[in-house]
Amino acid sequence: MSQLKKLVNDKPLWDSFCVELDLRLARVHTTMEQSDDSNIMFRLQGQAAALRSLKQLRAEVNANA
């Protein structure tokens, strides 16, 4: 857990991590808009949920301290 604390409490590192998550989430949304395959859509929805949950990591790690 201490390694995660280092990540979430280092503001420049955390901010760059969040930027990367936002870029990946935007790519997922673009792919979802262009997809017509329901199986791919379900996978993309799971990816989007996982990326959004990573953005909540800071609150979760600091709440458990």
Protein backbone atom coordinates (compact mmCIF):
# COMPACT_ATOMS: atom_id res chain seq x y z
CA MET A 1 0.00 0.00 0.00
CA SER A 2 2.88 2.40 0.67
CA GLN A 3 3.83 2.35 -3.03
CA LEU A 4 0.30 3.42 -3.93
CA LYS A 5 0.45 6.20 -1.35
CA LYS A 6 3.60 7.49 -3.04
CA LEU A 7 1.78 7.61 -6.38
CA VAL A 8 -1.43 9.24 -5.22
CA ASN A 9 0.23 11.81 -2.94
CA ASP A 10 2.88 12.97 -5.42
CA LYS A 11 0.82 15.71 -7.11
CA PRO A 12 2.81 16.05 -10.37
CA LEU A 13 2.96 12.28 -10.79
CA TRP A 14 -0.72 11.85 -9.93
CA ASP A 15 -1.74 14.63 -12.30
CA SER A 16 0.21 13.09 -15.18
CA PHE A 17 -1.33 9.70 -14.36
CA CYS A 18 -4.81 11.25 -14.51
CA VAL A 19 -4.02 12.90 -17.86
CA GLU A 20 -3.04 9.48 -19.22
CA LEU A 21 -6.25 7.95 -17.86
CA ASP A 22 -8.29 10.73 -19.50
CA LEU A 23 -6.57 10.15 -22.85
CA ARG A 24 -7.26 6.42 -22.67
CA LEU A 25 -10.87 7.04 -21.65
CA ALA A 26 -11.33 9.39 -24.61
CA ARG A 27 -9.96 6.68 -26.95
CA VAL A 28 -12.37 4.15 -25.46
CA HIS A 29 -15.30 6.53 -25.97
CA THR A 30 -14.29 7.18 -29.56
CA THR A 31 -14.05 3.46 -30.25
CA MET A 32 -17.44 2.91 -28.61
CA GLU A 33 -19.00 5.53 -30.87
CA GLN A 34 -17.59 3.81 -33.95
CA SER A 35 -18.35 0.23 -32.97
CA ASP A 36 -21.36 -1.75 -34.09
CA ASP A 37 -20.39 -5.06 -32.45
CA SER A 38 -22.16 -5.62 -29.13
CA ASN A 39 -19.37 -7.84 -27.75
CA ILE A 40 -16.82 -5.13 -28.38
CA MET A 41 -19.15 -2.58 -26.80
CA PHE A 42 -19.39 -4.66 -23.62
CA ARG A 43 -15.60 -4.91 -23.41
CA LEU A 44 -15.21 -1.19 -23.98
CA GLN A 45 -17.76 -0.46 -21.26
CA GLY A 46 -15.67 -2.57 -18.90
CA GLN A 47 -12.51 -0.71 -19.90
CA ALA A 48 -14.20 2.63 -19.30
CA ALA A 49 -15.39 1.51 -15.86
CA ALA A 50 -11.90 0.31 -14.95
CA LEU A 51 -10.30 3.59 -16.05
CA ARG A 52 -12.86 5.61 -14.08
CA SER A 53 -12.24 3.48 -10.98
CA LEU A 54 -8.49 4.15 -11.26
CA LYS A 55 -9.25 7.86 -11.08
CA GLN A 56 -10.86 7.19 -7.68
CA LEU A 57 -7.73 5.45 -6.40
CA ARG A 58 -6.42 8.51 -4.57
CA ALA A 59 -9.54 8.83 -2.43
CA GLU A 60 -9.61 5.11 -1.67
CA VAL A 61 -5.94 4.88 -0.71
CA ASN A 62 -6.05 7.98 1.49
CA ALA A 63 -9.33 6.93 3.11
CA ASN A 64 -7.82 3.64 4.25
CA ALA A 65 -4.83 5.31 5.92
